[in-house]
């Protein structure tokens, strides 16, 4: 497993932007597929975005067009750029990683499930005020 540490959360007004980062330990970051999930108070954890090791991305309908997932393999870091934030985006945001072996490729929908990942960060709070 890889150690993941999120950063970049905070308080922002509706319509504003935040950029979350996820720093990973280890030396094989390029072989990991990455995901972002979020959990609001009283709700289940939900999928936000994913970026496979091969560069394919996917987004939840609720964030499509507003959020962008990216990665910097040389820095062992994944990012989630969040624009046009809404109060309903308020949640704890979690970074997740899955180690891929042998160059396997999967349908991007596979990574929409939290069961696809074997490493998780501790989360970072995002609060959007109206």
Foldseek 3Di string as FASTA:
>chain_A
DKAKAKDWADEEAAQAKIKMKIAIDDQPLLQKKKFKWWDDPPGDIFGAKIAHSVGDIDGDPVQPPFWDWDDDNVRRMIMIIGGRDDQVVWTWMKMFIAGDPPPDDDDNVCVRDPVRGDYMYPTDTHGYHD
